[in-house]
Each structure stands twice: as structure tokens, then as C-alpha cells.
All heavy atoms as atom14 arrays in JSON, in Angstrom:
{
  "sequence": "GPVVADGRALRDPGGAEVCLHADQLEVSPDGRWLYYQ",
  "atom14_mask": [
    [1, 1, 1, 1, 0, 0, 0, 0, 0, 0, 0, 0, 0, 0],
    [1, 1, 1, 1, 1, 1, 1, 0, 0, 0, 0, 0, 0, 0],
    [1, 1, 1, 1, 1, 1, 1, 0, 0, 0, 0, 0, 0, 0],
    [1, 1, 1, 1, 1, 1, 1, 0, 0, 0, 0, 0, 0, 0],
    [1, 1, 1, 1, 1, 0, 0, 0, 0, 0, 0, 0, 0, 0],
    [1, 1, 1, 1, 1, 1, 1, 1, 0, 0, 0, 0, 0, 0],
    [1, 1, 1, 1, 0, 0, 0, 0, 0, 0, 0, 0, 0, 0],
    [1, 1, 1, 1, 1, 1, 1, 1, 1, 1, 1, 0, 0, 0],
    [1, 1, 1, 1, 1, 0, 0, 0, 0, 0, 0, 0, 0, 0],
    [1, 1, 1, 1, 1, 1, 1, 1, 0, 0, 0, 0, 0, 0],
    [1, 1, 1, 1, 1, 1, 1, 1, 1, 1, 1, 0, 0, 0],
    [1, 1, 1, 1, 1, 1, 1, 1, 0, 0, 0, 0, 0, 0],
    [1, 1, 1, 1, 1, 1, 1, 0, 0, 0, 0, 0, 0, 0],
    [1, 1, 1, 1, 0, 0, 0, 0, 0, 0, 0, 0, 0, 0],
    [1, 1, 1, 1, 0, 0, 0, 0, 0, 0, 0, 0, 0, 0],
    [1, 1, 1, 1, 1, 0, 0, 0, 0, 0, 0, 0, 0, 0],
    [1, 1, 1, 1, 1, 1, 1, 1, 1, 0, 0, 0, 0, 0],
    [1, 1, 1, 1, 1, 1, 1, 0, 0, 0, 0, 0, 0, 0],
    [1, 1, 1, 1, 1, 1, 0, 0, 0, 0, 0, 0, 0, 0],
    [1, 1, 1, 1, 1, 1, 1, 1, 0, 0, 0, 0, 0, 0],
    [1, 1, 1, 1, 1, 1, 1, 1, 1, 1, 0, 0, 0, 0],
    [1, 1, 1, 1, 1, 0, 0, 0, 0, 0, 0, 0, 0, 0],
    [1, 1, 1, 1, 1, 1, 1, 1, 0, 0, 0, 0, 0, 0],
    [1, 1, 1, 1, 1, 1, 1, 1, 1, 0, 0, 0, 0, 0],
    [1, 1, 1, 1, 1, 1, 1, 1, 0, 0, 0, 0, 0, 0],
    [1, 1, 1, 1, 1, 1, 1, 1, 1, 0, 0, 0, 0, 0],
    [1, 1, 1, 1, 1, 1, 1, 0, 0, 0, 0, 0, 0, 0],
    [1, 1, 1, 1, 1, 1, 0, 0, 0, 0, 0, 0, 0, 0],
    [1, 1, 1, 1, 1, 1, 1, 0, 0, 0, 0, 0, 0, 0],
    [1, 1, 1, 1, 1, 1, 1, 1, 0, 0, 0, 0, 0, 0],
    [1, 1, 1, 1, 0, 0, 0, 0, 0, 0, 0, 0, 0, 0],
    [1, 1, 1, 1, 1, 1, 1, 1, 1, 1, 1, 0, 0, 0],
    [1, 1, 1, 1, 1, 1, 1, 1, 1, 1, 1, 1, 1, 1],
    [1, 1, 1, 1, 1, 1, 1, 1, 0, 0, 0, 0, 0, 0],
    [1, 1, 1, 1, 1, 1, 1, 1, 1, 1, 1, 1, 0, 0],
    [1, 1, 1, 1, 1, 1, 1, 1, 1, 1, 1, 1, 0, 0],
    [1, 1, 1, 1, 1, 1, 1, 1, 1, 0, 0, 0, 0, 0]
  ],
  "atom14_positions": [
    [[-0.19, -1.51, -4.03], [1.02, -1.69, -4.87], [0.72, -2.79, -5.81], [-0.41, -3.25, -6.04], [0.0, 0.0, 0.0], [0.0, 0.0, 0.0], [0.0, 0.0, 0.0], [0.0, 0.0, 0.0], [0.0, 0.0, 0.0], [0.0, 0.0, 0.0], [0.0, 0.0, 0.0], [0.0, 0.0, 0.0], [0.0, 0.0, 0.0], [0.0, 0.0, 0.0]],
    [[1.67, -3.32, -6.51], [1.52, -4.43, -7.42], [0.99, -5.59, -6.72], [1.39, -5.97, -5.63], [2.99, -4.72, -8.02], [3.73, -3.41, -7.74], [3.13, -2.79, -6.53], [0.0, 0.0, 0.0], [0.0, 0.0, 0.0], [0.0, 0.0, 0.0], [0.0, 0.0, 0.0], [0.0, 0.0, 0.0], [0.0, 0.0, 0.0], [0.0, 0.0, 0.0]],
    [[0.05, -6.34, -7.39], [-0.56, -7.49, -6.96], [0.03, -8.73, -7.51], [0.28, -8.75, -8.76], [-2.15, -7.5, -7.25], [-2.81, -8.78, -6.69], [-2.76, -6.2, -6.68], [0.0, 0.0, 0.0], [0.0, 0.0, 0.0], [0.0, 0.0, 0.0], [0.0, 0.0, 0.0], [0.0, 0.0, 0.0], [0.0, 0.0, 0.0], [0.0, 0.0, 0.0]],
    [[0.5, -9.63, -6.71], [1.18, -10.82, -7.16], [0.35, -12.12, -6.93], [-0.25, -12.33, -5.91], [2.52, -10.97, -6.36], [3.27, -12.31, -6.79], [3.39, -9.8, -6.63], [0.0, 0.0, 0.0], [0.0, 0.0, 0.0], [0.0, 0.0, 0.0], [0.0, 0.0, 0.0], [0.0, 0.0, 0.0], [0.0, 0.0, 0.0], [0.0, 0.0, 0.0]],
    [[0.24, -12.91, -7.95], [-0.54, -14.16, -7.89], [0.33, -15.3, -8.62], [0.82, -15.06, -9.69], [-1.91, -14.13, -8.55], [0.0, 0.0, 0.0], [0.0, 0.0, 0.0], [0.0, 0.0, 0.0], [0.0, 0.0, 0.0], [0.0, 0.0, 0.0], [0.0, 0.0, 0.0], [0.0, 0.0, 0.0], [0.0, 0.0, 0.0], [0.0, 0.0, 0.0]],
    [[0.45, -16.47, -7.9], [1.24, -17.57, -8.39], [2.67, -17.16, -8.86], [3.28, -17.59, -9.77], [0.58, -18.13, -9.67], [-0.76, -18.83, -9.34], [-1.1, -18.95, -8.16], [-1.49, -19.18, -10.34], [0.0, 0.0, 0.0], [0.0, 0.0, 0.0], [0.0, 0.0, 0.0], [0.0, 0.0, 0.0], [0.0, 0.0, 0.0], [0.0, 0.0, 0.0]],
    [[3.17, -16.12, -8.03], [4.56, -15.71, -8.26], [4.78, -14.65, -9.36], [5.91, -14.25, -9.63], [0.0, 0.0, 0.0], [0.0, 0.0, 0.0], [0.0, 0.0, 0.0], [0.0, 0.0, 0.0], [0.0, 0.0, 0.0], [0.0, 0.0, 0.0], [0.0, 0.0, 0.0], [0.0, 0.0, 0.0], [0.0, 0.0, 0.0], [0.0, 0.0, 0.0]],
    [[3.61, -14.11, -10.01], [3.79, -13.17, -11.06], [2.98, -11.98, -10.75], [1.76, -12.1, -10.28], [3.41, -13.71, -12.34], [4.27, -14.87, -12.89], [3.85, -15.36, -14.25], [2.58, -15.99, -14.16], [1.49, -15.49, -14.77], [1.52, -14.29, -15.3], [0.34, -16.11, -14.69], [0.0, 0.0, 0.0], [0.0, 0.0, 0.0], [0.0, 0.0, 0.0]],
    [[3.39, -10.8, -11.03], [2.63, -9.57, -10.81], [1.63, -9.48, -11.97], [1.81, -9.85, -13.15], [3.54, -8.34, -10.95], [0.0, 0.0, 0.0], [0.0, 0.0, 0.0], [0.0, 0.0, 0.0], [0.0, 0.0, 0.0], [0.0, 0.0, 0.0], [0.0, 0.0, 0.0], [0.0, 0.0, 0.0], [0.0, 0.0, 0.0], [0.0, 0.0, 0.0]],
    [[0.39, -9.03, -11.52], [-0.63, -8.76, -12.51], [-0.29, -7.69, -13.48], [0.31, -6.6, -13.06], [-1.94, -8.37, -11.78], [-2.91, -9.46, -11.31], [-2.27, -10.43, -10.46], [-4.11, -8.93, -10.77], [0.0, 0.0, 0.0], [0.0, 0.0, 0.0], [0.0, 0.0, 0.0], [0.0, 0.0, 0.0], [0.0, 0.0, 0.0], [0.0, 0.0, 0.0]],
    [[-0.52, -7.77, -14.77], [-0.19, -6.76, -15.74], [-1.36, -6.58, -16.72], [-2.02, -7.54, -17.07], [1.09, -7.24, -16.55], [2.35, -7.26, -15.7], [3.61, -7.5, -16.5], [4.77, -7.53, -15.61], [5.46, -6.5, -15.07], [5.1, -5.27, -15.49], [6.5, -6.58, -14.32], [0.0, 0.0, 0.0], [0.0, 0.0, 0.0], [0.0, 0.0, 0.0]],
    [[-1.55, -5.31, -16.99], [-2.72, -4.97, -17.95], [-2.22, -5.31, -19.37], [-1.06, -5.69, -19.67], [-3.09, -3.52, -17.79], [-2.0, -2.55, -18.21], [-1.12, -2.83, -19.05], [-2.11, -1.35, -17.81], [0.0, 0.0, 0.0], [0.0, 0.0, 0.0], [0.0, 0.0, 0.0], [0.0, 0.0, 0.0], [0.0, 0.0, 0.0], [0.0, 0.0, 0.0]],
    [[-3.15, -5.17, -20.37], [-2.81, -5.49, -21.74], [-1.66, -4.77, -22.29], [-0.95, -5.26, -23.25], [-4.04, -5.23, -22.51], [-5.23, -5.43, -21.45], [-4.61, -4.94, -20.2], [0.0, 0.0, 0.0], [0.0, 0.0, 0.0], [0.0, 0.0, 0.0], [0.0, 0.0, 0.0], [0.0, 0.0, 0.0], [0.0, 0.0, 0.0], [0.0, 0.0, 0.0]],
    [[-1.33, -3.61, -21.73], [-0.16, -2.86, -22.23], [1.16, -3.18, -21.48], [2.24, -2.69, -21.8], [0.0, 0.0, 0.0], [0.0, 0.0, 0.0], [0.0, 0.0, 0.0], [0.0, 0.0, 0.0], [0.0, 0.0, 0.0], [0.0, 0.0, 0.0], [0.0, 0.0, 0.0], [0.0, 0.0, 0.0], [0.0, 0.0, 0.0], [0.0, 0.0, 0.0]],
    [[1.06, -4.2, -20.54], [2.21, -4.69, -19.86], [2.5, -3.94, -18.53], [3.46, -4.32, -17.82], [0.0, 0.0, 0.0], [0.0, 0.0, 0.0], [0.0, 0.0, 0.0], [0.0, 0.0, 0.0], [0.0, 0.0, 0.0], [0.0, 0.0, 0.0], [0.0, 0.0, 0.0], [0.0, 0.0, 0.0], [0.0, 0.0, 0.0], [0.0, 0.0, 0.0]],
    [[1.69, -2.97, -18.13], [1.97, -2.25, -16.88], [1.38, -3.06, -15.68], [0.45, -3.74, -15.81], [1.29, -0.92, -16.88], [0.0, 0.0, 0.0], [0.0, 0.0, 0.0], [0.0, 0.0, 0.0], [0.0, 0.0, 0.0], [0.0, 0.0, 0.0], [0.0, 0.0, 0.0], [0.0, 0.0, 0.0], [0.0, 0.0, 0.0], [0.0, 0.0, 0.0]],
    [[2.16, -2.9, -14.58], [1.7, -3.63, -13.34], [0.37, -3.06, -12.86], [0.11, -1.83, -12.9], [2.68, -3.47, -12.28], [4.05, -4.27, -12.52], [4.96, -4.25, -11.42], [4.87, -3.34, -10.55], [5.9, -5.14, -11.33], [0.0, 0.0, 0.0], [0.0, 0.0, 0.0], [0.0, 0.0, 0.0], [0.0, 0.0, 0.0], [0.0, 0.0, 0.0]],
    [[-0.52, -3.95, -12.39], [-1.83, -3.55, -11.99], [-1.87, -3.33, -10.51], [-1.34, -4.11, -9.76], [-2.87, -4.64, -12.35], [-4.23, -4.33, -11.78], [-2.98, -4.81, -13.86], [0.0, 0.0, 0.0], [0.0, 0.0, 0.0], [0.0, 0.0, 0.0], [0.0, 0.0, 0.0], [0.0, 0.0, 0.0], [0.0, 0.0, 0.0], [0.0, 0.0, 0.0]],
    [[-2.48, -2.16, -10.07], [-2.62, -1.9, -8.67], [-4.15, -1.85, -8.4], [-4.83, -1.15, -9.09], [-1.95, -0.58, -8.28], [-0.21, -0.54, -8.35], [0.0, 0.0, 0.0], [0.0, 0.0, 0.0], [0.0, 0.0, 0.0], [0.0, 0.0, 0.0], [0.0, 0.0, 0.0], [0.0, 0.0, 0.0], [0.0, 0.0, 0.0], [0.0, 0.0, 0.0]],
    [[-4.6, -2.53, -7.31], [-5.88, -2.58, -6.88], [-5.87, -1.85, -5.55], [-5.33, -2.38, -4.59], [-6.52, -3.96, -6.84], [-6.64, -4.69, -8.2], [-6.92, -6.17, -7.87], [-7.87, -4.09, -8.97], [0.0, 0.0, 0.0], [0.0, 0.0, 0.0], [0.0, 0.0, 0.0], [0.0, 0.0, 0.0], [0.0, 0.0, 0.0], [0.0, 0.0, 0.0]],
    [[-6.44, -0.68, -5.36], [-6.37, 0.07, -4.18], [-7.3, -0.56, -3.14], [-7.5, -1.79, -3.12], [-6.58, 1.52, -4.44], [-5.55, 2.09, -5.31], [-4.17, 2.15, -5.02], [-5.59, 2.69, -6.62], [-3.51, 2.67, -6.03], [-4.38, 3.01, -7.01], [0.0, 0.0, 0.0], [0.0, 0.0, 0.0], [0.0, 0.0, 0.0], [0.0, 0.0, 0.0]],
    [[-7.96, 0.27, -2.32], [-8.78, -0.27, -1.23], [-9.75, -1.33, -1.79], [-10.55, -0.98, -2.65], [-9.55, 0.87, -0.53], [0.0, 0.0, 0.0], [0.0, 0.0, 0.0], [0.0, 0.0, 0.0], [0.0, 0.0, 0.0], [0.0, 0.0, 0.0], [0.0, 0.0, 0.0], [0.0, 0.0, 0.0], [0.0, 0.0, 0.0], [0.0, 0.0, 0.0]],
    [[-9.76, -2.49, -1.2], [-10.46, -3.58, -1.86], [-11.24, -4.36, -0.77], [-12.42, -4.18, -0.54], [-9.47, -4.57, -2.55], [-10.07, -5.58, -3.48], [-11.23, -5.96, -3.17], [-9.44, -6.0, -4.46], [0.0, 0.0, 0.0], [0.0, 0.0, 0.0], [0.0, 0.0, 0.0], [0.0, 0.0, 0.0], [0.0, 0.0, 0.0], [0.0, 0.0, 0.0]],
    [[-10.59, -5.26, -0.01], [-11.27, -6.07, 0.92], [-11.5, -5.33, 2.21], [-10.75, -4.42, 2.57], [-10.44, -7.28, 1.29], [-10.19, -8.25, 0.16], [-9.04, -7.94, -0.8], [-8.1, -7.26, -0.22], [-9.08, -8.31, -2.01], [0.0, 0.0, 0.0], [0.0, 0.0, 0.0], [0.0, 0.0, 0.0], [0.0, 0.0, 0.0], [0.0, 0.0, 0.0]],
    [[-12.61, -5.63, 2.89], [-13.01, -5.02, 4.13], [-13.92, -5.91, 4.93], [-14.7, -6.75, 4.3], [-13.67, -3.59, 3.93], [-15.05, -3.52, 3.52], [-15.59, -2.14, 3.62], [-15.35, -4.01, 2.02], [0.0, 0.0, 0.0], [0.0, 0.0, 0.0], [0.0, 0.0, 0.0], [0.0, 0.0, 0.0], [0.0, 0.0, 0.0], [0.0, 0.0, 0.0]],
    [[-13.82, -5.79, 6.25], [-14.7, -6.59, 7.19], [-15.0, -5.69, 8.35], [-14.08, -4.97, 8.79], [-14.11, -7.87, 7.58], [-13.74, -8.91, 6.48], [-15.0, -9.47, 5.76], [-16.1, -9.35, 6.32], [-14.77, -9.97, 4.62], [0.0, 0.0, 0.0], [0.0, 0.0, 0.0], [0.0, 0.0, 0.0], [0.0, 0.0, 0.0], [0.0, 0.0, 0.0]],
    [[-16.19, -5.93, 8.88], [-16.53, -5.21, 10.18], [-16.49, -6.27, 11.27], [-17.05, -7.4, 11.11], [-17.98, -4.54, 10.06], [-18.38, -4.01, 11.52], [-18.02, -3.57, 9.07], [0.0, 0.0, 0.0], [0.0, 0.0, 0.0], [0.0, 0.0, 0.0], [0.0, 0.0, 0.0], [0.0, 0.0, 0.0], [0.0, 0.0, 0.0], [0.0, 0.0, 0.0]],
    [[-15.9, -5.94, 12.42], [-15.81, -6.89, 13.59], [-17.22, -7.16, 13.99], [-18.13, -6.41, 13.85], [-14.98, -6.27, 14.67], [-15.63, -5.07, 15.15], [0.0, 0.0, 0.0], [0.0, 0.0, 0.0], [0.0, 0.0, 0.0], [0.0, 0.0, 0.0], [0.0, 0.0, 0.0], [0.0, 0.0, 0.0], [0.0, 0.0, 0.0], [0.0, 0.0, 0.0]],
    [[-17.55, -8.39, 14.6], [-18.75, -8.78, 14.93], [-19.5, -7.83, 15.95], [-20.79, -7.7, 15.96], [-18.62, -10.14, 15.65], [-17.27, -10.66, 15.03], [-16.5, -9.48, 14.76], [0.0, 0.0, 0.0], [0.0, 0.0, 0.0], [0.0, 0.0, 0.0], [0.0, 0.0, 0.0], [0.0, 0.0, 0.0], [0.0, 0.0, 0.0], [0.0, 0.0, 0.0]],
    [[-18.67, -7.18, 16.78], [-19.31, -6.14, 17.71], [-19.43, -4.77, 17.14], [-20.05, -3.86, 17.72], [-18.51, -5.98, 19.0], [-17.0, -5.58, 18.72], [-16.72, -5.17, 17.58], [-16.26, -5.7, 19.73], [0.0, 0.0, 0.0], [0.0, 0.0, 0.0], [0.0, 0.0, 0.0], [0.0, 0.0, 0.0], [0.0, 0.0, 0.0], [0.0, 0.0, 0.0]],
    [[-19.05, -4.68, 15.81], [-19.28, -3.42, 15.13], [-18.13, -2.32, 15.44], [-18.28, -1.21, 14.91], [0.0, 0.0, 0.0], [0.0, 0.0, 0.0], [0.0, 0.0, 0.0], [0.0, 0.0, 0.0], [0.0, 0.0, 0.0], [0.0, 0.0, 0.0], [0.0, 0.0, 0.0], [0.0, 0.0, 0.0], [0.0, 0.0, 0.0], [0.0, 0.0, 0.0]],
    [[-17.24, -2.58, 16.32], [-16.29, -1.55, 16.75], [-15.31, -1.22, 15.77], [-14.77, -0.11, 15.68], [-15.65, -2.03, 18.11], [-16.51, -2.07, 19.33], [-15.68, -2.49, 20.5], [-14.5, -1.52, 20.73], [-13.44, -1.97, 21.38], [-13.18, -3.1, 21.79], [-12.43, -1.01, 21.52], [0.0, 0.0, 0.0], [0.0, 0.0, 0.0], [0.0, 0.0, 0.0]],
    [[-14.94, -2.16, 14.89], [-13.72, -2.04, 14.04], [-14.01, -2.24, 12.63], [-14.88, -3.25, 12.3], [-12.62, -2.93, 14.53], [-12.04, -2.74, 15.84], [-12.33, -3.46, 16.93], [-11.18, -1.66, 16.27], [-11.75, -2.9, 17.98], [-11.0, -1.89, 17.6], [-10.5, -0.67, 15.56], [-10.1, -1.08, 18.37], [-9.66, 0.15, 16.33], [-9.49, 0.01, 17.65]],
    [[-13.51, -1.48, 11.73], [-13.46, -1.76, 10.32], [-12.11, -2.27, 9.94], [-11.08, -1.44, 10.13], [-13.86, -0.59, 9.48], [-13.93, -0.89, 7.94], [-15.08, -1.72, 7.58], [-13.85, 0.43, 7.08], [0.0, 0.0, 0.0], [0.0, 0.0, 0.0], [0.0, 0.0, 0.0], [0.0, 0.0, 0.0], [0.0, 0.0, 0.0], [0.0, 0.0, 0.0]],
    [[-11.87, -3.44, 9.4], [-10.65, -3.83, 8.88], [-10.7, -3.68, 7.3], [-11.71, -4.01, 6.7], [-10.46, -5.33, 9.21], [-10.41, -5.63, 10.68], [-11.6, -5.94, 11.33], [-9.27, -5.58, 11.37], [-11.59, -6.25, 12.75], [-9.2, -5.84, 12.81], [-10.38, -6.15, 13.42], [-10.33, -6.46, 14.74], [0.0, 0.0, 0.0], [0.0, 0.0, 0.0]],
    [[-9.59, -3.21, 6.71], [-9.63, -3.04, 5.3], [-8.23, -3.06, 4.78], [-7.25, -2.94, 5.46], [-10.29, -1.65, 5.0], [-9.48, -0.5, 5.44], [-8.59, 0.17, 4.72], [-9.73, -0.1, 6.82], [-7.86, 1.2, 5.16], [-8.98, 1.01, 7.34], [-8.07, 1.68, 6.5], [-7.37, 2.81, 7.01], [0.0, 0.0, 0.0], [0.0, 0.0, 0.0]],
    [[-8.02, -3.27, 3.47], [-6.78, -3.33, 2.81], [-6.92, -3.23, 1.31], [-7.91, -3.36, 0.76], [-6.1, -4.67, 3.17], [-6.89, -5.92, 2.57], [-6.05, -7.2, 2.71], [-5.73, -7.56, 3.8], [-5.78, -7.83, 1.56], [0.0, 0.0, 0.0], [0.0, 0.0, 0.0], [0.0, 0.0, 0.0], [0.0, 0.0, 0.0], [0.0, 0.0, 0.0]]
  ]
}
């Protein structure tokens, strides 16, 4: 959904809210789990 930084939603040059879909991810040290968001 909309990304918020310092209290404001990110907006592209046209003024629309920016959505960054699947982005961060980490694998658990034992390799059993993938965490993502």
C-alpha cells in the first residue's frame, strides 16, 4: 500500500501515492523460513 516516511506518503511526480510491493526479505539462520514484506 502507500509508503509513509516522516509522516508523509510517498508521491510520484504526478502526485499519485507510491506503492512498493514485495521488497524486504530475510532467510532464517537455519534456512527454514523466508520472511518478506
